[in-house]
Amino acid sequence: MAFAVTNTFTGTTTLAAADLDQNFSDIVGKINGNLDNSNLSGNAAIANTQLANDDYEIVLSTTVEGTATANEGLNNTVGGYFVVGGVPYVSANSTYEIKGIEHMLFLGTGGGGTAMIVDLDYGNHTDGWTTIKTGISTGIANQQTRESSFTTTFTTSSTRPNFFVLDITQQGVGFNDGDSWCISVLISHALRTL
């Protein structure tokens, strides 16, 4: 809402100290924590680095169950892939940054002889795929693993949805029914300049 001080004066008004002090208090109170979007110009061009929080996280996850049958679940063969999640397309492209990947292997009936290894790719079948992280392994059972130190950004499409996929580069062996691997991709949305 538009800002206004409590007291107004004309050219012939004798200023009372209390009224003037109140107006200064109004200004200090507004600046210190009470500015909102209506107080900012559409041309303010405030840099992201000047904002206290310039991102938010979207967590995309999938759980792939193991199976005793080869070429399925966590025993899937090289060349297969799992869709982790999609980012909806919008009318204008929007830039995101990959902050990290977290994953954890759960062993139900004691499988997991040989780890499955995947690459994390982003894109779609029409525009193609970009590899974001290579060599993600199912790793140690029942222990959370974090992949970080990413500098990768991606842009949403204005015409079609894009997806994150886990592209299998090494087949898992020995997983049983009930074994699962949970993957989360942490994403930061880069704010546009105001």
N, C-alpha and C. Protein backbone atom coordinates (compact mmCIF):
# COMPACT_ATOMS: atom_id res chain seq x y z
N MET A 1 0.84 -1.18 0.00
CA MET A 1 0.00 0.00 0.00
C MET A 1 0.88 1.24 0.00
N ALA A 2 0.33 2.34 -0.50
CA ALA A 2 1.09 3.58 -0.58
C ALA A 2 1.43 4.07 0.82
N PHE A 3 2.61 4.62 0.94
CA PHE A 3 3.08 5.07 2.25
C PHE A 3 2.68 6.52 2.48
N ALA A 4 2.27 6.83 3.71
CA ALA A 4 1.97 8.21 4.10
C ALA A 4 2.33 8.39 5.57
N VAL A 5 2.79 9.58 5.91
CA VAL A 5 3.08 9.88 7.31
C VAL A 5 1.81 10.32 8.02
N THR A 6 1.86 10.35 9.33
CA THR A 6 0.67 10.66 10.13
C THR A 6 0.23 12.10 9.98
N ASN A 7 1.18 13.02 10.04
CA ASN A 7 0.85 14.45 10.08
C ASN A 7 1.26 15.15 8.80
N THR A 8 0.40 16.05 8.32
CA THR A 8 0.72 16.90 7.17
C THR A 8 0.73 18.36 7.62
N PHE A 9 1.54 19.15 6.93
CA PHE A 9 1.69 20.55 7.33
C PHE A 9 1.56 21.45 6.10
N THR A 10 1.12 22.68 6.35
CA THR A 10 1.07 23.71 5.30
C THR A 10 2.19 24.69 5.54
N GLY A 11 2.33 25.65 4.62
CA GLY A 11 3.42 26.60 4.71
C GLY A 11 3.36 27.50 5.91
N THR A 12 2.19 27.67 6.50
CA THR A 12 2.06 28.56 7.65
C THR A 12 1.93 27.82 8.97
N THR A 13 2.05 26.48 8.92
CA THR A 13 1.89 25.69 10.14
C THR A 13 3.13 25.81 11.03
N THR A 14 2.87 26.03 12.29
CA THR A 14 3.96 25.96 13.28
C THR A 14 4.11 24.49 13.68
N LEU A 15 5.30 23.97 13.43
CA LEU A 15 5.53 22.54 13.68
C LEU A 15 5.65 22.26 15.16
N ALA A 16 4.89 21.28 15.62
CA ALA A 16 5.04 20.79 16.99
C ALA A 16 6.05 19.64 16.97
N ALA A 17 6.92 19.62 17.95
CA ALA A 17 7.97 18.61 17.99
C ALA A 17 7.38 17.20 17.98
N ALA A 18 6.31 16.97 18.71
CA ALA A 18 5.72 15.64 18.79
C ALA A 18 5.19 15.19 17.43
N ASP A 19 4.59 16.12 16.66
CA ASP A 19 4.06 15.78 15.33
C ASP A 19 5.20 15.46 14.36
N LEU A 20 6.26 16.24 14.41
CA LEU A 20 7.40 15.99 13.54
C LEU A 20 8.08 14.68 13.90
N ASP A 21 8.24 14.43 15.21
CA ASP A 21 8.83 13.17 15.65
C ASP A 21 7.99 11.98 15.19
N GLN A 22 6.66 12.13 15.21
CA GLN A 22 5.78 11.04 14.77
C GLN A 22 6.01 10.72 13.30
N ASN A 23 6.16 11.77 12.49
CA ASN A 23 6.41 11.53 11.06
C ASN A 23 7.73 10.80 10.83
N PHE A 24 8.76 11.18 11.57
CA PHE A 24 10.03 10.46 11.45
C PHE A 24 9.88 9.02 11.92
N SER A 25 9.11 8.80 12.97
CA SER A 25 8.87 7.43 13.43
C SER A 25 8.14 6.62 12.38
N ASP A 26 7.19 7.27 11.65
CA ASP A 26 6.49 6.59 10.57
C ASP A 26 7.47 6.12 9.50
N ILE A 27 8.40 7.00 9.15
CA ILE A 27 9.36 6.67 8.09
C ILE A 27 10.29 5.54 8.53
N VAL A 28 10.83 5.65 9.75
CA VAL A 28 11.73 4.62 10.27
C VAL A 28 11.01 3.29 10.36
N GLY A 29 9.76 3.31 10.84
CA GLY A 29 9.00 2.07 10.97
C GLY A 29 8.72 1.41 9.64
N LYS A 30 8.50 2.22 8.61
CA LYS A 30 8.24 1.66 7.28
C LYS A 30 9.49 1.04 6.69
N ILE A 31 10.60 1.75 6.82
CA ILE A 31 11.85 1.25 6.22
C ILE A 31 12.36 0.00 6.93
N ASN A 32 12.21 -0.04 8.24
CA ASN A 32 12.76 -1.15 9.02
C ASN A 32 11.77 -2.31 9.11
N GLY A 33 11.58 -3.00 8.00
CA GLY A 33 10.84 -4.26 8.03
C GLY A 33 9.42 -4.23 7.53
N ASN A 34 8.94 -3.08 7.04
CA ASN A 34 7.54 -3.01 6.61
C ASN A 34 7.36 -2.60 5.15
N LEU A 35 8.44 -2.60 4.38
CA LEU A 35 8.31 -2.36 2.94
C LEU A 35 7.72 -3.60 2.29
N ASP A 36 6.85 -3.42 1.31
CA ASP A 36 6.31 -4.56 0.57
C ASP A 36 6.37 -4.26 -0.92
N ASN A 37 5.83 -5.16 -1.71
CA ASN A 37 5.94 -5.06 -3.16
C ASN A 37 5.37 -3.75 -3.71
N SER A 38 4.32 -3.24 -3.06
CA SER A 38 3.68 -2.01 -3.55
C SER A 38 4.57 -0.79 -3.38
N ASN A 39 5.61 -0.89 -2.54
CA ASN A 39 6.51 0.23 -2.33
C ASN A 39 7.68 0.24 -3.31
N LEU A 40 7.77 -0.77 -4.15
CA LEU A 40 8.89 -0.89 -5.08
C LEU A 40 8.46 -0.53 -6.49
N SER A 41 9.32 0.19 -7.17
CA SER A 41 9.06 0.53 -8.56
C SER A 41 9.24 -0.69 -9.45
N GLY A 42 8.46 -0.77 -10.51
CA GLY A 42 8.64 -1.84 -11.47
C GLY A 42 9.99 -1.79 -12.14
N ASN A 43 10.68 -0.66 -12.06
CA ASN A 43 12.01 -0.49 -12.65
C ASN A 43 13.11 -0.47 -11.59
N ALA A 44 12.84 -1.01 -10.42
CA ALA A 44 13.80 -0.95 -9.33
C ALA A 44 15.09 -1.69 -9.65
N ALA A 45 15.00 -2.79 -10.44
CA ALA A 45 16.19 -3.55 -10.86
C ALA A 45 17.07 -3.96 -9.68
N ILE A 46 16.45 -4.50 -8.65
CA ILE A 46 17.21 -4.96 -7.48
C ILE A 46 17.92 -6.27 -7.85
N ALA A 47 19.21 -6.33 -7.60
CA ALA A 47 20.00 -7.51 -7.93
C ALA A 47 19.66 -8.66 -6.99
N ASN A 48 19.71 -9.89 -7.50
CA ASN A 48 19.45 -11.07 -6.68
C ASN A 48 20.36 -11.13 -5.46
N THR A 49 21.61 -10.67 -5.62
CA THR A 49 22.57 -10.74 -4.53
C THR A 49 22.18 -9.84 -3.36
N GLN A 50 21.29 -8.89 -3.58
CA GLN A 50 20.85 -7.99 -2.53
C GLN A 50 19.65 -8.53 -1.76
N LEU A 51 19.12 -9.65 -2.21
CA LEU A 51 17.94 -10.24 -1.57
C LEU A 51 18.37 -11.29 -0.57
N ALA A 52 17.67 -11.36 0.55
CA ALA A 52 18.04 -12.29 1.61
C ALA A 52 17.88 -13.74 1.18
N ASN A 53 16.87 -14.03 0.37
CA ASN A 53 16.62 -15.40 -0.06
C ASN A 53 16.26 -15.38 -1.53
N ASP A 54 17.18 -15.80 -2.38
CA ASP A 54 16.97 -15.67 -3.82
C ASP A 54 16.61 -16.99 -4.49
N ASP A 55 16.23 -17.98 -3.70
CA ASP A 55 15.87 -19.24 -4.33
C ASP A 55 14.89 -20.02 -3.45
N TYR A 56 14.32 -21.01 -4.06
CA TYR A 56 13.54 -21.98 -3.30
C TYR A 56 13.82 -23.34 -3.90
N GLU A 57 13.50 -24.37 -3.17
CA GLU A 57 13.85 -25.72 -3.61
C GLU A 57 12.61 -26.51 -4.00
N ILE A 58 12.74 -27.24 -5.07
CA ILE A 58 11.72 -28.20 -5.48
C ILE A 58 12.37 -29.57 -5.32
N VAL A 59 11.73 -30.46 -4.62
CA VAL A 59 12.28 -31.79 -4.44
C VAL A 59 11.50 -32.77 -5.29
N LEU A 60 12.17 -33.40 -6.22
CA LEU A 60 11.57 -34.41 -7.09
C LEU A 60 12.11 -35.76 -6.64
N SER A 61 11.24 -36.72 -6.47
CA SER A 61 11.74 -38.00 -5.98
C SER A 61 11.02 -39.16 -6.66
N THR A 62 11.68 -40.27 -6.66
CA THR A 62 11.09 -41.49 -7.17
C THR A 62 11.62 -42.65 -6.35
N THR A 63 10.83 -43.67 -6.23
CA THR A 63 11.29 -44.89 -5.58
C THR A 63 11.15 -46.03 -6.58
N VAL A 64 12.25 -46.69 -6.87
CA VAL A 64 12.26 -47.79 -7.82
C VAL A 64 12.41 -49.08 -7.04
N GLU A 65 11.41 -49.92 -7.07
CA GLU A 65 11.47 -51.16 -6.31
C GLU A 65 12.33 -52.19 -7.02
N GLY A 66 13.02 -52.98 -6.22
CA GLY A 66 13.81 -54.07 -6.78
C GLY A 66 12.92 -55.23 -7.18
N THR A 67 13.46 -56.13 -7.95
CA THR A 67 12.75 -57.34 -8.33
C THR A 67 13.77 -58.44 -8.56
N ALA A 68 13.36 -59.64 -8.31
CA ALA A 68 14.28 -60.77 -8.49
C ALA A 68 14.52 -61.08 -9.96
N THR A 69 13.71 -60.47 -10.83
CA THR A 69 13.82 -60.74 -12.27
C THR A 69 14.84 -59.79 -12.89
N ALA A 70 15.71 -60.31 -13.76
CA ALA A 70 16.69 -59.47 -14.45
C ALA A 70 15.97 -58.48 -15.35
N ASN A 71 16.62 -57.33 -15.60
CA ASN A 71 16.13 -56.29 -16.50
C ASN A 71 14.87 -55.61 -15.99
N GLU A 72 14.63 -55.68 -14.70
CA GLU A 72 13.50 -54.97 -14.11
C GLU A 72 13.95 -54.32 -12.81
N GLY A 73 13.25 -53.25 -12.42
CA GLY A 73 13.53 -52.58 -11.16
C GLY A 73 14.99 -52.20 -11.02
N LEU A 74 15.58 -52.48 -9.87
CA LEU A 74 16.98 -52.14 -9.63
C LEU A 74 17.94 -53.08 -10.36
N ASN A 75 17.41 -54.13 -10.96
CA ASN A 75 18.23 -55.02 -11.79
C ASN A 75 18.13 -54.65 -13.27
N ASN A 76 17.60 -53.46 -13.56
CA ASN A 76 17.38 -53.06 -14.94
C ASN A 76 18.69 -52.98 -15.70
N THR A 77 18.62 -53.24 -16.99
CA THR A 77 19.81 -53.35 -17.80
C THR A 77 20.30 -52.00 -18.29
N VAL A 78 21.56 -51.94 -18.73
CA VAL A 78 22.13 -50.73 -19.32
C VAL A 78 21.29 -50.31 -20.52
N GLY A 79 21.06 -49.02 -20.64
CA GLY A 79 20.22 -48.52 -21.72
C GLY A 79 18.82 -48.20 -21.27
N GLY A 80 18.40 -48.76 -20.15
CA GLY A 80 17.11 -48.41 -19.59
C GLY A 80 17.21 -47.10 -18.82
N TYR A 81 16.08 -46.57 -18.43
CA TYR A 81 16.11 -45.35 -17.63
C TYR A 81 14.83 -45.24 -16.80
N PHE A 82 14.92 -44.45 -15.75
CA PHE A 82 13.78 -44.15 -14.90
C PHE A 82 13.53 -42.65 -14.95
N VAL A 83 12.27 -42.25 -15.04
CA VAL A 83 11.92 -40.84 -14.97
C VAL A 83 11.86 -40.44 -13.50
N VAL A 84 12.67 -39.45 -13.11
CA VAL A 84 12.66 -38.98 -11.74
C VAL A 84 11.51 -38.01 -11.52
N GLY A 85 11.35 -37.06 -12.42
CA GLY A 85 10.28 -36.09 -12.28
C GLY A 85 10.36 -35.06 -13.38
N GLY A 86 9.31 -34.28 -13.52
CA GLY A 86 9.25 -33.29 -14.58
C GLY A 86 9.11 -31.88 -14.03
N VAL A 87 9.53 -30.91 -14.83
CA VAL A 87 9.34 -29.51 -14.50
C VAL A 87 8.37 -28.95 -15.55
N PRO A 88 7.22 -28.43 -15.15
CA PRO A 88 6.22 -27.98 -16.13
C PRO A 88 6.75 -26.84 -17.00
N TYR A 89 6.30 -26.82 -18.23
CA TYR A 89 6.68 -25.70 -19.08
C TYR A 89 5.79 -24.51 -18.75
N VAL A 90 6.31 -23.32 -19.00
CA VAL A 90 5.58 -22.08 -18.75
C VAL A 90 5.62 -21.23 -20.00
N SER A 91 4.85 -20.12 -20.00
CA SER A 91 4.77 -19.30 -21.20
C SER A 91 6.10 -18.65 -21.55
N ALA A 92 6.94 -18.42 -20.54
CA ALA A 92 8.28 -17.87 -20.78
C ALA A 92 9.30 -18.77 -20.11
N ASN A 93 10.46 -18.90 -20.74
CA ASN A 93 11.50 -19.75 -20.17
C ASN A 93 11.92 -19.24 -18.79
N SER A 94 12.27 -20.15 -17.91
CA SER A 94 12.68 -19.80 -16.56
C SER A 94 13.92 -20.61 -16.20
N THR A 95 14.89 -19.98 -15.55
CA THR A 95 16.16 -20.62 -15.27
C THR A 95 16.19 -21.21 -13.86
N TYR A 96 16.70 -22.43 -13.75
CA TYR A 96 16.85 -23.12 -12.48
C TYR A 96 18.30 -23.56 -12.33
N GLU A 97 18.70 -23.78 -11.09
CA GLU A 97 20.04 -24.29 -10.80
C GLU A 97 19.91 -25.59 -10.02
N ILE A 98 20.73 -26.58 -10.36
CA ILE A 98 20.77 -27.82 -9.61
C ILE A 98 21.60 -27.60 -8.35
N LYS A 99 21.00 -27.84 -7.18
CA LYS A 99 21.70 -27.65 -5.92
C LYS A 99 22.34 -28.94 -5.42
N GLY A 100 21.73 -30.07 -5.75
CA GLY A 100 22.29 -31.33 -5.27
C GLY A 100 21.36 -32.49 -5.51
N ILE A 101 21.86 -33.66 -5.22
CA ILE A 101 21.09 -34.90 -5.33
C ILE A 101 21.26 -35.65 -4.01
N GLU A 102 20.18 -36.15 -3.48
CA GLU A 102 20.25 -37.00 -2.30
C GLU A 102 19.59 -38.32 -2.64
N HIS A 103 20.20 -39.40 -2.17
CA HIS A 103 19.60 -40.71 -2.46
C HIS A 103 19.93 -41.68 -1.35
N MET A 104 19.08 -42.70 -1.26
CA MET A 104 19.25 -43.71 -0.21
C MET A 104 18.71 -45.04 -0.70
N LEU A 105 19.45 -46.09 -0.44
CA LEU A 105 19.08 -47.44 -0.83
C LEU A 105 18.47 -48.16 0.37
N PHE A 106 17.30 -48.75 0.16
CA PHE A 106 16.65 -49.53 1.21
C PHE A 106 16.63 -50.99 0.78
N LEU A 107 17.19 -51.86 1.60
CA LEU A 107 17.20 -53.28 1.29
C LEU A 107 16.15 -53.97 2.15
N GLY A 108 15.15 -54.56 1.46
CA GLY A 108 14.08 -55.23 2.19
C GLY A 108 14.42 -56.66 2.54
N THR A 109 14.75 -57.46 1.52
CA THR A 109 14.98 -58.89 1.74
C THR A 109 16.45 -59.27 1.57
N GLY A 110 17.32 -58.26 1.63
CA GLY A 110 18.75 -58.56 1.67
C GLY A 110 19.44 -58.66 0.33
N GLY A 111 18.91 -58.00 -0.70
CA GLY A 111 19.53 -58.07 -2.01
C GLY A 111 20.66 -57.06 -2.16
N GLY A 112 20.90 -56.63 -3.40
CA GLY A 112 21.89 -55.61 -3.65
C GLY A 112 23.30 -56.12 -3.78
N GLY A 113 23.51 -57.13 -4.63
CA GLY A 113 24.84 -57.68 -4.81
C GLY A 113 25.78 -56.74 -5.52
N THR A 114 25.34 -56.14 -6.62
CA THR A 114 26.14 -55.21 -7.40
C THR A 114 25.35 -53.92 -7.58
N ALA A 115 25.99 -52.80 -7.34
CA ALA A 115 25.29 -51.51 -7.38
C ALA A 115 24.82 -51.18 -8.79
N MET A 116 23.67 -50.52 -8.88
CA MET A 116 23.25 -49.89 -10.12
C MET A 116 23.89 -48.51 -10.19
N ILE A 117 24.39 -48.13 -11.35
CA ILE A 117 24.98 -46.81 -11.55
C ILE A 117 24.23 -46.11 -12.67
N VAL A 118 23.90 -44.82 -12.43
CA VAL A 118 23.11 -44.07 -13.41
C VAL A 118 23.72 -42.70 -13.62
N ASP A 119 23.34 -42.07 -14.74
CA ASP A 119 23.59 -40.66 -14.98
C ASP A 119 22.28 -39.91 -14.81
N LEU A 120 22.34 -38.70 -14.27
CA LEU A 120 21.16 -37.86 -14.19
C LEU A 120 21.13 -36.96 -15.41
N ASP A 121 20.10 -37.10 -16.23
CA ASP A 121 19.93 -36.30 -17.45
C ASP A 121 18.69 -35.42 -17.32
N TYR A 122 18.68 -34.33 -18.10
CA TYR A 122 17.53 -33.42 -18.12
C TYR A 122 17.21 -33.06 -19.56
N GLY A 123 15.92 -33.02 -19.88
CA GLY A 123 15.51 -32.63 -21.24
C GLY A 123 14.23 -33.31 -21.64
N ASN A 124 14.09 -33.56 -22.95
CA ASN A 124 12.94 -34.27 -23.47
C ASN A 124 13.32 -34.94 -24.78
N HIS A 125 12.45 -35.81 -25.28
CA HIS A 125 12.80 -36.60 -26.47
C HIS A 125 12.86 -35.75 -27.73
N THR A 126 12.19 -34.61 -27.73
CA THR A 126 12.20 -33.75 -28.92
C THR A 126 13.46 -32.90 -28.99
N ASP A 127 13.81 -32.27 -27.88
CA ASP A 127 14.95 -31.34 -27.86
C ASP A 127 16.25 -32.01 -27.48
N GLY A 128 16.18 -33.24 -26.96
CA GLY A 128 17.38 -33.95 -26.55
C GLY A 128 17.62 -33.86 -25.06
N TRP A 129 18.72 -34.50 -24.61
CA TRP A 129 19.01 -34.64 -23.20
C TRP A 129 20.38 -34.07 -22.87
N THR A 130 20.50 -33.46 -21.70
CA THR A 130 21.77 -32.95 -21.20
C THR A 130 22.12 -33.71 -19.92
N THR A 131 23.34 -34.23 -19.85
CA THR A 131 23.77 -34.94 -18.66
C THR A 131 24.20 -33.95 -17.60
N ILE A 132 23.60 -34.05 -16.43
CA ILE A 132 23.88 -33.14 -15.33
C ILE A 132 24.90 -33.74 -14.37
N LYS A 133 24.77 -35.03 -14.09
CA LYS A 133 25.69 -35.69 -13.16
C LYS A 133 25.88 -37.13 -13.61
N THR A 134 27.12 -37.58 -13.70
CA THR A 134 27.42 -38.94 -14.10
C THR A 134 27.81 -39.77 -12.89
N GLY A 135 27.65 -41.09 -13.01
CA GLY A 135 28.20 -42.01 -12.03
C GLY A 135 27.52 -42.02 -10.68
N ILE A 136 26.20 -41.82 -10.61
CA ILE A 136 25.48 -41.90 -9.34
C ILE A 136 25.23 -43.37 -9.04
N SER A 137 25.69 -43.83 -7.90
CA SER A 137 25.59 -45.25 -7.54
C SER A 137 24.59 -45.46 -6.42
N THR A 138 23.94 -46.63 -6.42
CA THR A 138 23.06 -46.98 -5.30
C THR A 138 23.82 -46.96 -3.99
N GLY A 139 25.09 -47.21 -4.03
CA GLY A 139 25.94 -47.00 -2.87
C GLY A 139 25.66 -47.93 -1.71
N ILE A 140 25.84 -47.42 -0.50
CA ILE A 140 25.75 -48.22 0.72
C ILE A 140 24.30 -48.34 1.15
N ALA A 141 23.90 -49.53 1.54
CA ALA A 141 22.52 -49.76 1.95
C ALA A 141 22.18 -48.97 3.22
N ASN A 142 20.96 -48.44 3.21
CA ASN A 142 20.39 -47.78 4.39
C ASN A 142 21.24 -46.62 4.90
N GLN A 143 21.89 -45.94 3.98
CA GLN A 143 22.67 -44.76 4.35
C GLN A 143 22.44 -43.68 3.30
N GLN A 144 22.07 -42.49 3.77
CA GLN A 144 21.78 -41.40 2.85
C GLN A 144 23.06 -40.83 2.28
N THR A 145 23.05 -40.59 0.98
CA THR A 145 24.21 -40.04 0.28
C THR A 145 23.81 -38.74 -0.40
N ARG A 146 24.69 -37.75 -0.33
CA ARG A 146 24.41 -36.46 -0.97
C ARG A 146 25.46 -36.15 -2.02
N GLU A 147 25.00 -35.80 -3.21
CA GLU A 147 25.85 -35.33 -4.29
C GLU A 147 25.66 -33.82 -4.36
N SER A 148 26.73 -33.04 -4.19
CA SER A 148 26.58 -31.59 -4.17
C SER A 148 27.65 -30.94 -5.03
N SER A 149 27.93 -29.66 -4.78
CA SER A 149 28.92 -28.88 -5.54
C SER A 149 28.54 -28.80 -7.01
N PHE A 150 27.28 -28.57 -7.28
CA PHE A 150 26.82 -28.42 -8.66
C PHE A 150 26.91 -26.96 -9.10
N THR A 151 27.19 -26.75 -10.36
CA THR A 151 27.15 -25.41 -10.94
C THR A 151 26.27 -25.42 -12.18
N THR A 152 25.44 -26.44 -12.31
CA THR A 152 24.66 -26.64 -13.52
C THR A 152 23.34 -25.90 -13.45
N THR A 153 23.01 -25.19 -14.50
CA THR A 153 21.70 -24.56 -14.61
C THR A 153 20.95 -25.18 -15.78
N PHE A 154 19.64 -25.07 -15.75
CA PHE A 154 18.84 -25.52 -16.88
C PHE A 154 17.66 -24.57 -17.05
N THR A 155 17.13 -24.54 -18.24
CA THR A 155 16.04 -23.63 -18.57
C THR A 155 14.82 -24.42 -18.97
N THR A 156 13.68 -24.05 -18.42
CA THR A 156 12.45 -24.73 -18.80
C THR A 156 12.07 -24.36 -20.22
N SER A 157 11.31 -25.22 -20.85
CA SER A 157 10.85 -24.98 -22.22
C SER A 157 9.54 -24.21 -22.18
N SER A 158 9.33 -23.32 -23.14
CA SER A 158 8.08 -22.58 -23.22
C SER A 158 7.05 -23.32 -24.07
N THR A 159 7.42 -24.48 -24.60
CA THR A 159 6.50 -25.20 -25.48
C THR A 159 6.20 -26.62 -25.03
N ARG A 160 7.05 -27.22 -24.19
CA ARG A 160 6.82 -28.61 -23.79
C ARG A 160 7.49 -28.88 -22.44
N PRO A 161 6.98 -29.84 -21.67
CA PRO A 161 7.61 -30.16 -20.39
C PRO A 161 8.94 -30.88 -20.56
N ASN A 162 9.84 -30.65 -19.63
CA ASN A 162 11.11 -31.36 -19.58
C ASN A 162 11.13 -32.28 -18.38
N PHE A 163 12.02 -33.27 -18.43
CA PHE A 163 12.05 -34.29 -17.38
C PHE A 163 13.47 -34.55 -16.92
N PHE A 164 13.60 -34.98 -15.66
CA PHE A 164 14.85 -35.55 -15.17
C PHE A 164 14.74 -37.06 -15.31
N VAL A 165 15.77 -37.69 -15.85
CA VAL A 165 15.76 -39.14 -15.97
C VAL A 165 17.07 -39.70 -15.42
N LEU A 166 16.99 -40.91 -14.90
CA LEU A 166 18.17 -41.64 -14.47
C LEU A 166 18.50 -42.64 -15.56
N ASP A 167 19.58 -42.38 -16.28
CA ASP A 167 20.01 -43.20 -17.41
C ASP A 167 20.98 -44.27 -16.90
N ILE A 168 20.60 -45.53 -17.02
CA ILE A 168 21.37 -46.61 -16.41
C ILE A 168 22.64 -46.89 -17.21
N THR A 169 23.79 -46.80 -16.54
CA THR A 169 25.07 -47.09 -17.18
C THR A 169 25.71 -48.36 -16.65
N GLN A 170 25.28 -48.83 -15.48
CA GLN A 170 25.71 -50.14 -14.97
C GLN A 170 24.52 -50.83 -14.35
N GLN A 171 24.27 -52.05 -14.80
CA GLN A 171 23.13 -52.82 -14.32
C GLN A 171 23.34 -53.26 -12.88
N GLY A 172 22.29 -53.14 -12.08
CA GLY A 172 22.33 -53.69 -10.74
C GLY A 172 22.10 -55.19 -10.78
N VAL A 173 22.71 -55.91 -9.87
CA VAL A 173 22.57 -57.36 -9.82
C VAL A 173 22.28 -57.78 -8.39
N GLY A 174 21.35 -58.69 -8.22
CA GLY A 174 21.11 -59.28 -6.92
C GLY A 174 20.07 -58.58 -6.07
N PHE A 175 19.36 -57.59 -6.62
CA PHE A 175 18.30 -56.95 -5.85
C PHE A 175 17.06 -57.84 -5.84
N ASN A 176 16.33 -57.79 -4.73
CA ASN A 176 15.15 -58.63 -4.55
C ASN A 176 13.89 -57.78 -4.44
N ASP A 177 12.75 -58.45 -4.52
CA ASP A 177 11.48 -57.75 -4.31
C ASP A 177 11.50 -57.07 -2.94
N GLY A 178 11.09 -55.81 -2.92
CA GLY A 178 11.08 -55.05 -1.68
C GLY A 178 12.26 -54.12 -1.52
N ASP A 179 13.33 -54.32 -2.29
CA ASP A 179 14.46 -53.39 -2.27
C ASP A 179 14.06 -52.14 -3.05
N SER A 180 14.49 -50.97 -2.59
CA SER A 180 14.14 -49.75 -3.31
C SER A 180 15.24 -48.71 -3.16
N TRP A 181 15.24 -47.76 -4.08
CA TRP A 181 16.25 -46.70 -4.10
C TRP A 181 15.51 -45.39 -4.30
N CYS A 182 15.62 -44.50 -3.33
CA CYS A 182 14.92 -43.22 -3.37
C CYS A 182 15.88 -42.13 -3.82
N ILE A 183 15.48 -41.36 -4.82
CA ILE A 183 16.31 -40.29 -5.37
C ILE A 183 15.57 -38.96 -5.23
N SER A 184 16.26 -37.93 -4.77
CA SER A 184 15.70 -36.58 -4.72
C SER A 184 16.66 -35.62 -5.41
N VAL A 185 16.13 -34.76 -6.28
CA VAL A 185 16.91 -33.73 -6.95
C VAL A 185 16.50 -32.38 -6.37
N LEU A 186 17.46 -31.65 -5.81
CA LEU A 186 17.18 -30.36 -5.20
C LEU A 186 17.46 -29.26 -6.21
N ILE A 187 16.47 -28.41 -6.42
CA ILE A 187 16.53 -27.42 -7.49
C ILE A 187 16.31 -26.03 -6.92
N SER A 188 17.09 -25.07 -7.40
CA SER A 188 16.93 -23.68 -6.99
C SER A 188 16.43 -22.88 -8.17
N HIS A 189 15.42 -22.04 -7.93
CA HIS A 189 14.88 -21.18 -8.99
C HIS A 189 15.58 -19.84 -8.91
N ALA A 190 16.25 -19.43 -9.99
CA ALA A 190 16.93 -18.16 -10.01
C ALA A 190 15.93 -17.05 -10.27
N LEU A 191 15.82 -16.10 -9.34
CA LEU A 191 14.86 -15.02 -9.49
C LEU A 191 15.25 -14.10 -10.65
N ARG A 192 14.24 -13.62 -11.34
CA ARG A 192 14.48 -12.62 -12.37
C ARG A 192 14.63 -11.25 -11.71
N THR A 193 15.43 -10.37 -12.29
CA THR A 193 15.59 -9.03 -11.75
C THR A 193 14.27 -8.29 -11.76
N LEU A 194 13.95 -7.62 -10.65
CA LEU A 194 12.70 -6.88 -10.56
C LEU A 194 12.69 -5.70 -11.51
